[in-house]
Amino acid sequence: MSDNPSPDFSGLEGGEEQAAEEAIQEVINWYNTQLLEERRSPVPDEGRAEELKAGREAALADRAQLATADPEEAGRVAATYAAGLKELKES
């Protein structure tokens, strides 16, 4: 995990789709890092690996749906994923 602060997407005017895409990508990156660490573990936890894969797949699906999101929805997605990333990093 990185010690970099989570991005703050609040107060954006326009560019909501880009902010949402960036927030989702950061979550996907977190899942990828965790999966890699789990696979390299001397005794990988298959249950945790499956949970990580499911989380990553959900984020990928949300990213794919951004193409049809209106700016308000994209803003909500950005805020949700920014908050979710903060929780993931704290867990």
PDB file of N, CA and C in Angstrom:
ATOM      1  N   MET A   1       0.824  -1.183   0.000  1.00  0.00           N
ATOM      2  CA  MET A   1       0.000   0.000   0.000  1.00  0.00           C
ATOM      3  C   MET A   1       0.868   1.245   0.000  1.00  0.00           C
ATOM      4  N   SER A   2       0.376   2.253  -0.625  1.00  0.00           N
ATOM      5  CA  SER A   2       1.097   3.505  -0.712  1.00  0.00           C
ATOM      6  C   SER A   2       0.701   4.413   0.445  1.00  0.00           C
ATOM      7  N   ASP A   3       1.623   5.269   0.837  1.00  0.00           N
ATOM      8  CA  ASP A   3       1.319   6.242   1.878  1.00  0.00           C
ATOM      9  C   ASP A   3       0.830   7.555   1.283  1.00  0.00           C
ATOM     10  N   ASN A   4       0.582   7.568  -0.022  1.00  0.00           N
ATOM     11  CA  ASN A   4       0.093   8.777  -0.663  1.00  0.00           C
ATOM     12  C   ASN A   4      -1.325   9.055  -0.197  1.00  0.00           C
ATOM     13  N   PRO A   5      -1.654  10.332   0.007  1.00  0.00           N
ATOM     14  CA  PRO A   5      -3.023  10.644   0.426  1.00  0.00           C
ATOM     15  C   PRO A   5      -4.006  10.323  -0.691  1.00  0.00           C
ATOM     16  N   SER A   6      -5.225   9.976  -0.304  1.00  0.00           N
ATOM     17  CA  SER A   6      -6.265   9.688  -1.282  1.00  0.00           C
ATOM     18  C   SER A   6      -6.624  10.974  -2.009  1.00  0.00           C
ATOM     19  N   PRO A   7      -6.900  10.868  -3.299  1.00  0.00           N
ATOM     20  CA  PRO A   7      -7.279  12.070  -4.036  1.00  0.00           C
ATOM     21  C   PRO A   7      -8.614  12.601  -3.546  1.00  0.00           C
ATOM     22  N   ASP A   8      -8.767  13.900  -3.595  1.00  0.00           N
ATOM     23  CA  ASP A   8     -10.008  14.536  -3.185  1.00  0.00           C
ATOM     24  C   ASP A   8     -10.701  15.034  -4.438  1.00  0.00           C
ATOM     25  N   PHE A   9     -11.823  14.427  -4.774  1.00  0.00           N
ATOM     26  CA  PHE A   9     -12.540  14.801  -5.977  1.00  0.00           C
ATOM     27  C   PHE A   9     -13.707  15.739  -5.676  1.00  0.00           C
ATOM     28  N   SER A  10     -13.794  16.227  -4.456  1.00  0.00           N
ATOM     29  CA  SER A  10     -14.912  17.102  -4.112  1.00  0.00           C
ATOM     30  C   SER A  10     -14.737  18.465  -4.765  1.00  0.00           C
ATOM     31  N   GLY A  11     -15.828  19.092  -5.025  1.00  0.00           N
ATOM     32  CA  GLY A  11     -15.801  20.452  -5.549  1.00  0.00           C
ATOM     33  C   GLY A  11     -15.428  20.543  -7.011  1.00  0.00           C
ATOM     34  N   LEU A  12     -15.522  19.470  -7.753  1.00  0.00           N
ATOM     35  CA  LEU A  12     -15.177  19.516  -9.166  1.00  0.00           C
ATOM     36  C   LEU A  12     -16.324  20.118  -9.965  1.00  0.00           C
ATOM     37  N   GLU A  13     -15.965  20.937 -10.930  1.00  0.00           N
ATOM     38  CA  GLU A  13     -16.945  21.419 -11.887  1.00  0.00           C
ATOM     39  C   GLU A  13     -16.546  20.836 -13.222  1.00  0.00           C
ATOM     40  N   GLY A  14     -17.414  20.007 -13.794  1.00  0.00           N
ATOM     41  CA  GLY A  14     -17.063  19.344 -15.045  1.00  0.00           C
ATOM     42  C   GLY A  14     -15.982  18.311 -14.799  1.00  0.00           C
ATOM     43  N   GLY A  15     -15.735  17.499 -15.781  1.00  0.00           N
ATOM     44  CA  GLY A  15     -14.702  16.494 -15.642  1.00  0.00           C
ATOM     45  C   GLY A  15     -15.052  15.377 -14.681  1.00  0.00           C
ATOM     46  N   GLU A  16     -16.334  15.271 -14.328  1.00  0.00           N
ATOM     47  CA  GLU A  16     -16.744  14.250 -13.371  1.00  0.00           C
ATOM     48  C   GLU A  16     -16.424  12.849 -13.872  1.00  0.00           C
ATOM     49  N   GLU A  17     -16.610  12.636 -15.172  1.00  0.00           N
ATOM     50  CA  GLU A  17     -16.338  11.307 -15.720  1.00  0.00           C
ATOM     51  C   GLU A  17     -14.854  10.964 -15.570  1.00  0.00           C
ATOM     52  N   GLN A  18     -13.990  11.911 -15.851  1.00  0.00           N
ATOM     53  CA  GLN A  18     -12.553  11.674 -15.704  1.00  0.00           C
ATOM     54  C   GLN A  18     -12.200  11.418 -14.237  1.00  0.00           C
ATOM     55  N   ALA A  19     -12.774  12.198 -13.330  1.00  0.00           N
ATOM     56  CA  ALA A  19     -12.512  12.006 -11.903  1.00  0.00           C
ATOM     57  C   ALA A  19     -12.979  10.628 -11.458  1.00  0.00           C
ATOM     58  N   ALA A  20     -14.146  10.214 -11.946  1.00  0.00           N
ATOM     59  CA  ALA A  20     -14.662   8.893 -11.594  1.00  0.00           C
ATOM     60  C   ALA A  20     -13.749   7.805 -12.141  1.00  0.00           C
ATOM     61  N   GLU A  21     -13.309   7.964 -13.380  1.00  0.00           N
ATOM     62  CA  GLU A  21     -12.412   6.982 -13.990  1.00  0.00           C
ATOM     63  C   GLU A  21     -11.114   6.864 -13.184  1.00  0.00           C
ATOM     64  N   GLU A  22     -10.561   7.996 -12.786  1.00  0.00           N
ATOM     65  CA  GLU A  22      -9.320   7.983 -12.004  1.00  0.00           C
ATOM     66  C   GLU A  22      -9.519   7.328 -10.637  1.00  0.00           C
ATOM     67  N   ALA A  23     -10.641   7.628  -9.991  1.00  0.00           N
ATOM     68  CA  ALA A  23     -10.920   7.039  -8.682  1.00  0.00           C
ATOM     69  C   ALA A  23     -11.093   5.529  -8.800  1.00  0.00           C
ATOM     70  N   ILE A  24     -11.823   5.102  -9.815  1.00  0.00           N
ATOM     71  CA  ILE A  24     -12.016   3.667 -10.023  1.00  0.00           C
ATOM     72  C   ILE A  24     -10.680   3.002 -10.328  1.00  0.00           C
ATOM     73  N   GLN A  25      -9.850   3.629 -11.155  1.00  0.00           N
ATOM     74  CA  GLN A  25      -8.565   3.043 -11.498  1.00  0.00           C
ATOM     75  C   GLN A  25      -7.683   2.892 -10.263  1.00  0.00           C
ATOM     76  N   GLU A  26      -7.730   3.839  -9.366  1.00  0.00           N
ATOM     77  CA  GLU A  26      -6.945   3.719  -8.135  1.00  0.00           C
ATOM     78  C   GLU A  26      -7.416   2.519  -7.301  1.00  0.00           C
ATOM     79  N   VAL A  27      -8.720   2.295  -7.262  1.00  0.00           N
ATOM     80  CA  VAL A  27      -9.248   1.132  -6.540  1.00  0.00           C
ATOM     81  C   VAL A  27      -8.805  -0.156  -7.239  1.00  0.00           C
ATOM     82  N   ILE A  28      -8.883  -0.185  -8.563  1.00  0.00           N
ATOM     83  CA  ILE A  28      -8.433  -1.361  -9.320  1.00  0.00           C
ATOM     84  C   ILE A  28      -6.955  -1.620  -9.037  1.00  0.00           C
ATOM     85  N   ASN A  29      -6.152  -0.565  -9.027  1.00  0.00           N
ATOM     86  CA  ASN A  29      -4.724  -0.714  -8.730  1.00  0.00           C
ATOM     87  C   ASN A  29      -4.512  -1.292  -7.332  1.00  0.00           C
ATOM     88  N   TRP A  30      -5.309  -0.834  -6.358  1.00  0.00           N
ATOM     89  CA  TRP A  30      -5.199  -1.364  -4.996  1.00  0.00           C
ATOM     90  C   TRP A  30      -5.490  -2.859  -4.999  1.00  0.00           C
ATOM     91  N   TYR A  31      -6.575  -3.255  -5.674  1.00  0.00           N
ATOM     92  CA  TYR A  31      -6.918  -4.676  -5.736  1.00  0.00           C
ATOM     93  C   TYR A  31      -5.804  -5.471  -6.423  1.00  0.00           C
ATOM     94  N   ASN A  32      -5.256  -4.947  -7.512  1.00  0.00           N
ATOM     95  CA  ASN A  32      -4.173  -5.646  -8.211  1.00  0.00           C
ATOM     96  C   ASN A  32      -2.967  -5.850  -7.308  1.00  0.00           C
ATOM     97  N   THR A  33      -2.605  -4.821  -6.555  1.00  0.00           N
ATOM     98  CA  THR A  33      -1.466  -4.917  -5.637  1.00  0.00           C
ATOM     99  C   THR A  33      -1.732  -5.955  -4.561  1.00  0.00           C
ATOM    100  N   GLN A  34      -2.928  -5.928  -3.992  1.00  0.00           N
ATOM    101  CA  GLN A  34      -3.275  -6.886  -2.948  1.00  0.00           C
ATOM    102  C   GLN A  34      -3.298  -8.319  -3.478  1.00  0.00           C
ATOM    103  N   LEU A  35      -3.817  -8.489  -4.683  1.00  0.00           N
ATOM    104  CA  LEU A  35      -3.831  -9.825  -5.293  1.00  0.00           C
ATOM    105  C   LEU A  35      -2.414 -10.339  -5.517  1.00  0.00           C
ATOM    106  N   LEU A  36      -1.548  -9.484  -6.001  1.00  0.00           N
ATOM    107  CA  LEU A  36      -0.161  -9.876  -6.228  1.00  0.00           C
ATOM    108  C   LEU A  36       0.501 -10.281  -4.914  1.00  0.00           C
ATOM    109  N   GLU A  37       0.290  -9.480  -3.877  1.00  0.00           N
ATOM    110  CA  GLU A  37       0.863  -9.803  -2.564  1.00  0.00           C
ATOM    111  C   GLU A  37       0.304 -11.130  -2.042  1.00  0.00           C
ATOM    112  N   GLU A  38      -0.994 -11.355  -2.238  1.00  0.00           N
ATOM    113  CA  GLU A  38      -1.614 -12.598  -1.764  1.00  0.00           C
ATOM    114  C   GLU A  38      -1.044 -13.799  -2.505  1.00  0.00           C
ATOM    115  N   ARG A  39      -0.879 -13.664  -3.815  1.00  0.00           N
ATOM    116  CA  ARG A  39      -0.336 -14.774  -4.605  1.00  0.00           C
ATOM    117  C   ARG A  39       1.111 -15.081  -4.236  1.00  0.00           C
ATOM    118  N   ARG A  40       1.858 -14.061  -3.834  1.00  0.00           N
ATOM    119  CA  ARG A  40       3.262 -14.252  -3.465  1.00  0.00           C
ATOM    120  C   ARG A  40       3.438 -14.714  -2.019  1.00  0.00           C
ATOM    121  N   SER A  41       2.358 -14.716  -1.274  1.00  0.00           N
ATOM    122  CA  SER A  41       2.405 -15.138   0.118  1.00  0.00           C
ATOM    123  C   SER A  41       2.826 -16.605   0.207  1.00  0.00           C
ATOM    124  N   PRO A  42       3.609 -16.973   1.226  1.00  0.00           N
ATOM    125  CA  PRO A  42       4.000 -18.377   1.388  1.00  0.00           C
ATOM    126  C   PRO A  42       2.795 -19.318   1.462  1.00  0.00           C
ATOM    127  N   VAL A  43       1.717 -18.837   2.075  1.00  0.00           N
ATOM    128  CA  VAL A  43       0.485 -19.629   2.166  1.00  0.00           C
ATOM    129  C   VAL A  43      -0.673 -18.720   1.739  1.00  0.00           C
ATOM    130  N   PRO A  44      -0.918 -18.652   0.426  1.00  0.00           N
ATOM    131  CA  PRO A  44      -1.984 -17.760  -0.049  1.00  0.00           C
ATOM    132  C   PRO A  44      -3.350 -18.146   0.514  1.00  0.00           C
ATOM    133  N   ASP A  45      -4.125 -17.155   0.844  1.00  0.00           N
ATOM    134  CA  ASP A  45      -5.491 -17.346   1.328  1.00  0.00           C
ATOM    135  C   ASP A  45      -6.412 -17.269   0.107  1.00  0.00           C
ATOM    136  N   GLU A  46      -6.870 -18.419  -0.355  1.00  0.00           N
ATOM    137  CA  GLU A  46      -7.698 -18.468  -1.565  1.00  0.00           C
ATOM    138  C   GLU A  46      -9.007 -17.703  -1.391  1.00  0.00           C
ATOM    139  N   GLY A  47      -9.567 -17.735  -0.193  1.00  0.00           N
ATOM    140  CA  GLY A  47     -10.800 -16.986   0.060  1.00  0.00           C
ATOM    141  C   GLY A  47     -10.590 -15.495  -0.114  1.00  0.00           C
ATOM    142  N   ARG A  48      -9.503 -14.992   0.442  1.00  0.00           N
ATOM    143  CA  ARG A  48      -9.197 -13.569   0.300  1.00  0.00           C
ATOM    144  C   ARG A  48      -8.911 -13.231  -1.158  1.00  0.00           C
ATOM    145  N   ALA A  49      -8.190 -14.100  -1.847  1.00  0.00           N
ATOM    146  CA  ALA A  49      -7.896 -13.864  -3.257  1.00  0.00           C
ATOM    147  C   ALA A  49      -9.189 -13.765  -4.067  1.00  0.00           C
ATOM    148  N   GLU A  50     -10.146 -14.630  -3.773  1.00  0.00           N
ATOM    149  CA  GLU A  50     -11.427 -14.587  -4.481  1.00  0.00           C
ATOM    150  C   GLU A  50     -12.183 -13.294  -4.175  1.00  0.00           C
ATOM    151  N   GLU A  51     -12.146 -12.853  -2.912  1.00  0.00           N
ATOM    152  CA  GLU A  51     -12.792 -11.586  -2.548  1.00  0.00           C
ATOM    153  C   GLU A  51     -12.137 -10.418  -3.280  1.00  0.00           C
ATOM    154  N   LEU A  52     -10.824 -10.438  -3.362  1.00  0.00           N
ATOM    155  CA  LEU A  52     -10.105  -9.382  -4.067  1.00  0.00           C
ATOM    156  C   LEU A  52     -10.452  -9.376  -5.552  1.00  0.00           C
ATOM    157  N   LYS A  53     -10.524 -10.558  -6.146  1.00  0.00           N
ATOM    158  CA  LYS A  53     -10.886 -10.650  -7.566  1.00  0.00           C
ATOM    159  C   LYS A  53     -12.292 -10.117  -7.798  1.00  0.00           C
ATOM    160  N   ALA A  54     -13.216 -10.459  -6.905  1.00  0.00           N
ATOM    161  CA  ALA A  54     -14.597  -9.990  -7.048  1.00  0.00           C
ATOM    162  C   ALA A  54     -14.675  -8.469  -6.929  1.00  0.00           C
ATOM    163  N   GLY A  55     -13.932  -7.897  -5.992  1.00  0.00           N
ATOM    164  CA  GLY A  55     -13.905  -6.447  -5.849  1.00  0.00           C
ATOM    165  C   GLY A  55     -13.347  -5.772  -7.085  1.00  0.00           C
ATOM    166  N   ARG A  56     -12.274  -6.361  -7.625  1.00  0.00           N
ATOM    167  CA  ARG A  56     -11.668  -5.797  -8.838  1.00  0.00           C
ATOM    168  C   ARG A  56     -12.646  -5.885 -10.005  1.00  0.00           C
ATOM    169  N   GLU A  57     -13.328  -7.018 -10.143  1.00  0.00           N
ATOM    170  CA  GLU A  57     -14.286  -7.186 -11.240  1.00  0.00           C
ATOM    171  C   GLU A  57     -15.436  -6.185 -11.132  1.00  0.00           C
ATOM    172  N   ALA A  58     -15.898  -5.927  -9.919  1.00  0.00           N
ATOM    173  CA  ALA A  58     -16.970  -4.947  -9.722  1.00  0.00           C
ATOM    174  C   ALA A  58     -16.508  -3.553 -10.141  1.00  0.00           C
ATOM    175  N   ALA A  59     -15.273  -3.212  -9.786  1.00  0.00           N
ATOM    176  CA  ALA A  59     -14.733  -1.905 -10.166  1.00  0.00           C
ATOM    177  C   ALA A  59     -14.578  -1.808 -11.685  1.00  0.00           C
ATOM    178  N   LEU A  60     -14.122  -2.879 -12.311  1.00  0.00           N
ATOM    179  CA  LEU A  60     -13.992  -2.878 -13.772  1.00  0.00           C
ATOM    180  C   LEU A  60     -15.358  -2.703 -14.437  1.00  0.00           C
ATOM    181  N   ALA A  61     -16.380  -3.348 -13.893  1.00  0.00           N
ATOM    182  CA  ALA A  61     -17.727  -3.213 -14.450  1.00  0.00           C
ATOM    183  C   ALA A  61     -18.240  -1.782 -14.286  1.00  0.00           C
ATOM    184  N   ASP A  62     -17.988  -1.176 -13.126  1.00  0.00           N
ATOM    185  CA  ASP A  62     -18.409   0.215 -12.915  1.00  0.00           C
ATOM    186  C   ASP A  62     -17.685   1.143 -13.887  1.00  0.00           C
ATOM    187  N   ARG A  63     -16.398   0.886 -14.110  1.00  0.00           N
ATOM    188  CA  ARG A  63     -15.644   1.734 -15.044  1.00  0.00           C
ATOM    189  C   ARG A  63     -16.230   1.623 -16.445  1.00  0.00           C
ATOM    190  N   ALA A  64     -16.621   0.430 -16.856  1.00  0.00           N
ATOM    191  CA  ALA A  64     -17.196   0.240 -18.187  1.00  0.00           C
ATOM    192  C   ALA A  64     -18.523   0.989 -18.332  1.00  0.00           C
ATOM    193  N   GLN A  65     -19.265   1.119 -17.234  1.00  0.00           N
ATOM    194  CA  GLN A  65     -20.568   1.781 -17.296  1.00  0.00           C
ATOM    195  C   GLN A  65     -20.466   3.306 -17.273  1.00  0.00           C
ATOM    196  N   LEU A  66     -19.281   3.830 -17.018  1.00  0.00           N
ATOM    197  CA  LEU A  66     -19.126   5.289 -16.998  1.00  0.00           C
ATOM    198  C   LEU A  66     -19.442   5.928 -18.344  1.00  0.00           C
ATOM    199  N   ALA A  67     -19.281   5.190 -19.423  1.00  0.00           N
ATOM    200  CA  ALA A  67     -19.529   5.733 -20.757  1.00  0.00           C
ATOM    201  C   ALA A  67     -20.958   6.242 -20.907  1.00  0.00           C
ATOM    202  N   THR A  68     -21.883   5.660 -20.162  1.00  0.00           N
ATOM    203  CA  THR A  68     -23.281   6.066 -20.276  1.00  0.00           C
ATOM    204  C   THR A  68     -23.757   6.892 -19.082  1.00  0.00           C
ATOM    205  N   ALA A  69     -22.854   7.212 -18.166  1.00  0.00           N
ATOM    206  CA  ALA A  69     -23.244   7.968 -16.967  1.00  0.00           C
ATOM    207  C   ALA A  69     -23.347   9.456 -17.281  1.00  0.00           C
ATOM    208  N   ASP A  70     -24.351  10.100 -16.681  1.00  0.00           N
ATOM    209  CA  ASP A  70     -24.437  11.550 -16.815  1.00  0.00           C
ATOM    210  C   ASP A  70     -23.473  12.173 -15.806  1.00  0.00           C
ATOM    211  N   PRO A  71     -23.196  13.476 -15.917  1.00  0.00           N
ATOM    212  CA  PRO A  71     -22.217  14.104 -15.023  1.00  0.00           C
ATOM    213  C   PRO A  71     -22.541  13.946 -13.536  1.00  0.00           C
ATOM    214  N   GLU A  72     -23.815  13.995 -13.186  1.00  0.00           N
ATOM    215  CA  GLU A  72     -24.198  13.849 -11.776  1.00  0.00           C
ATOM    216  C   GLU A  72     -23.855  12.447 -11.266  1.00  0.00           C
ATOM    217  N   GLU A  73     -24.196  11.441 -12.065  1.00  0.00           N
ATOM    218  CA  GLU A  73     -23.885  10.063 -11.682  1.00  0.00           C
ATOM    219  C   GLU A  73     -22.376   9.851 -11.615  1.00  0.00           C
ATOM    220  N   ALA A  74     -21.646  10.391 -12.569  1.00  0.00           N
ATOM    221  CA  ALA A  74     -20.188  10.259 -12.571  1.00  0.00           C
ATOM    222  C   ALA A  74     -19.597  10.905 -11.316  1.00  0.00           C
ATOM    223  N   GLY A  75     -20.161  12.022 -10.900  1.00  0.00           N
ATOM    224  CA  GLY A  75     -19.704  12.671  -9.668  1.00  0.00           C
ATOM    225  C   GLY A  75     -19.936  11.796  -8.449  1.00  0.00           C
ATOM    226  N   ARG A  76     -21.103  11.142  -8.410  1.00  0.00           N
ATOM    227  CA  ARG A  76     -21.391  10.224  -7.298  1.00  0.00           C
ATOM    228  C   ARG A  76     -20.425   9.042  -7.305  1.00  0.00           C
ATOM    229  N   VAL A  77     -20.142   8.518  -8.487  1.00  0.00           N
ATOM    230  CA  VAL A  77     -19.210   7.388  -8.599  1.00  0.00           C
ATOM    231  C   VAL A  77     -17.827   7.804  -8.112  1.00  0.00           C
ATOM    232  N   ALA A  78     -17.379   8.989  -8.523  1.00  0.00           N
ATOM    233  CA  ALA A  78     -16.059   9.482  -8.091  1.00  0.00           C
ATOM    234  C   ALA A  78     -15.999   9.585  -6.575  1.00  0.00           C
ATOM    235  N   ALA A  79     -17.026  10.154  -5.971  1.00  0.00           N
ATOM    236  CA  ALA A  79     -17.043  10.314  -4.517  1.00  0.00           C
ATOM    237  C   ALA A  79     -17.088   8.954  -3.816  1.00  0.00           C
ATOM    238  N   THR A  80     -17.896   8.044  -4.342  1.00  0.00           N
ATOM    239  CA  THR A  80     -18.014   6.715  -3.749  1.00  0.00           C
ATOM    240  C   THR A  80     -16.688   5.975  -3.806  1.00  0.00           C
ATOM    241  N   TYR A  81     -16.026   6.012  -4.948  1.00  0.00           N
ATOM    242  CA  TYR A  81     -14.762   5.296  -5.084  1.00  0.00           C
ATOM    243  C   TYR A  81     -13.631   5.958  -4.308  1.00  0.00           C
ATOM    244  N   ALA A  82     -13.622   7.274  -4.220  1.00  0.00           N
ATOM    245  CA  ALA A  82     -12.599   7.947  -3.411  1.00  0.00           C
ATOM    246  C   ALA A  82     -12.748   7.542  -1.946  1.00  0.00           C
ATOM    247  N   ALA A  83     -13.988   7.509  -1.461  1.00  0.00           N
ATOM    248  CA  ALA A  83     -14.239   7.086  -0.078  1.00  0.00           C
ATOM    249  C   ALA A  83     -13.905   5.606   0.098  1.00  0.00           C
ATOM    250  N   GLY A  84     -14.269   4.793  -0.889  1.00  0.00           N
ATOM    251  CA  GLY A  84     -13.981   3.367  -0.818  1.00  0.00           C
ATOM    252  C   GLY A  84     -12.492   3.084  -0.794  1.00  0.00           C
ATOM    253  N   LEU A  85     -11.723   3.839  -1.574  1.00  0.00           N
ATOM    254  CA  LEU A  85     -10.270   3.665  -1.576  1.00  0.00           C
ATOM    255  C   LEU A  85      -9.686   4.002  -0.215  1.00  0.00           C
ATOM    256  N   LYS A  86     -10.196   5.045   0.388  1.00  0.00           N
ATOM    257  CA  LYS A  86      -9.716   5.418   1.726  1.00  0.00           C
ATOM    258  C   LYS A  86      -9.975   4.279   2.715  1.00  0.00           C
ATOM    259  N   GLU A  87     -11.160   3.701   2.650  1.00  0.00           N
ATOM    260  CA  GLU A  87     -11.489   2.570   3.539  1.00  0.00           C
ATOM    261  C   GLU A  87     -10.603   1.372   3.263  1.00  0.00           C
ATOM    262  N   LEU A  88     -10.358   1.069   1.992  1.00  0.00           N
ATOM    263  CA  LEU A  88      -9.501  -0.066   1.652  1.00  0.00           C
ATOM    264  C   LEU A  88      -8.096   0.121   2.209  1.00  0.00           C
ATOM    265  N   LYS A  89      -7.579   1.323   2.070  1.00  0.00           N
ATOM    266  CA  LYS A  89      -6.216   1.595   2.537  1.00  0.00           C
ATOM    267  C   LYS A  89      -6.120   1.545   4.061  1.00  0.00           C
ATOM    268  N   GLU A  90      -7.219   1.842   4.735  1.00  0.00           N
ATOM    269  CA  GLU A  90      -7.222   1.830   6.188  1.00  0.00           C
ATOM    270  C   GLU A  90      -7.459   0.432   6.760  1.00  0.00           C
ATOM    271  N   SER A  91      -7.928  -0.490   5.929  1.00  0.00           N
ATOM    272  CA  SER A  91      -8.236  -1.834   6.435  1.00  0.00           C
ATOM    273  C   SER A  91      -7.003  -2.712   6.533  1.00  0.00           C
TER     274      SER A  91
END
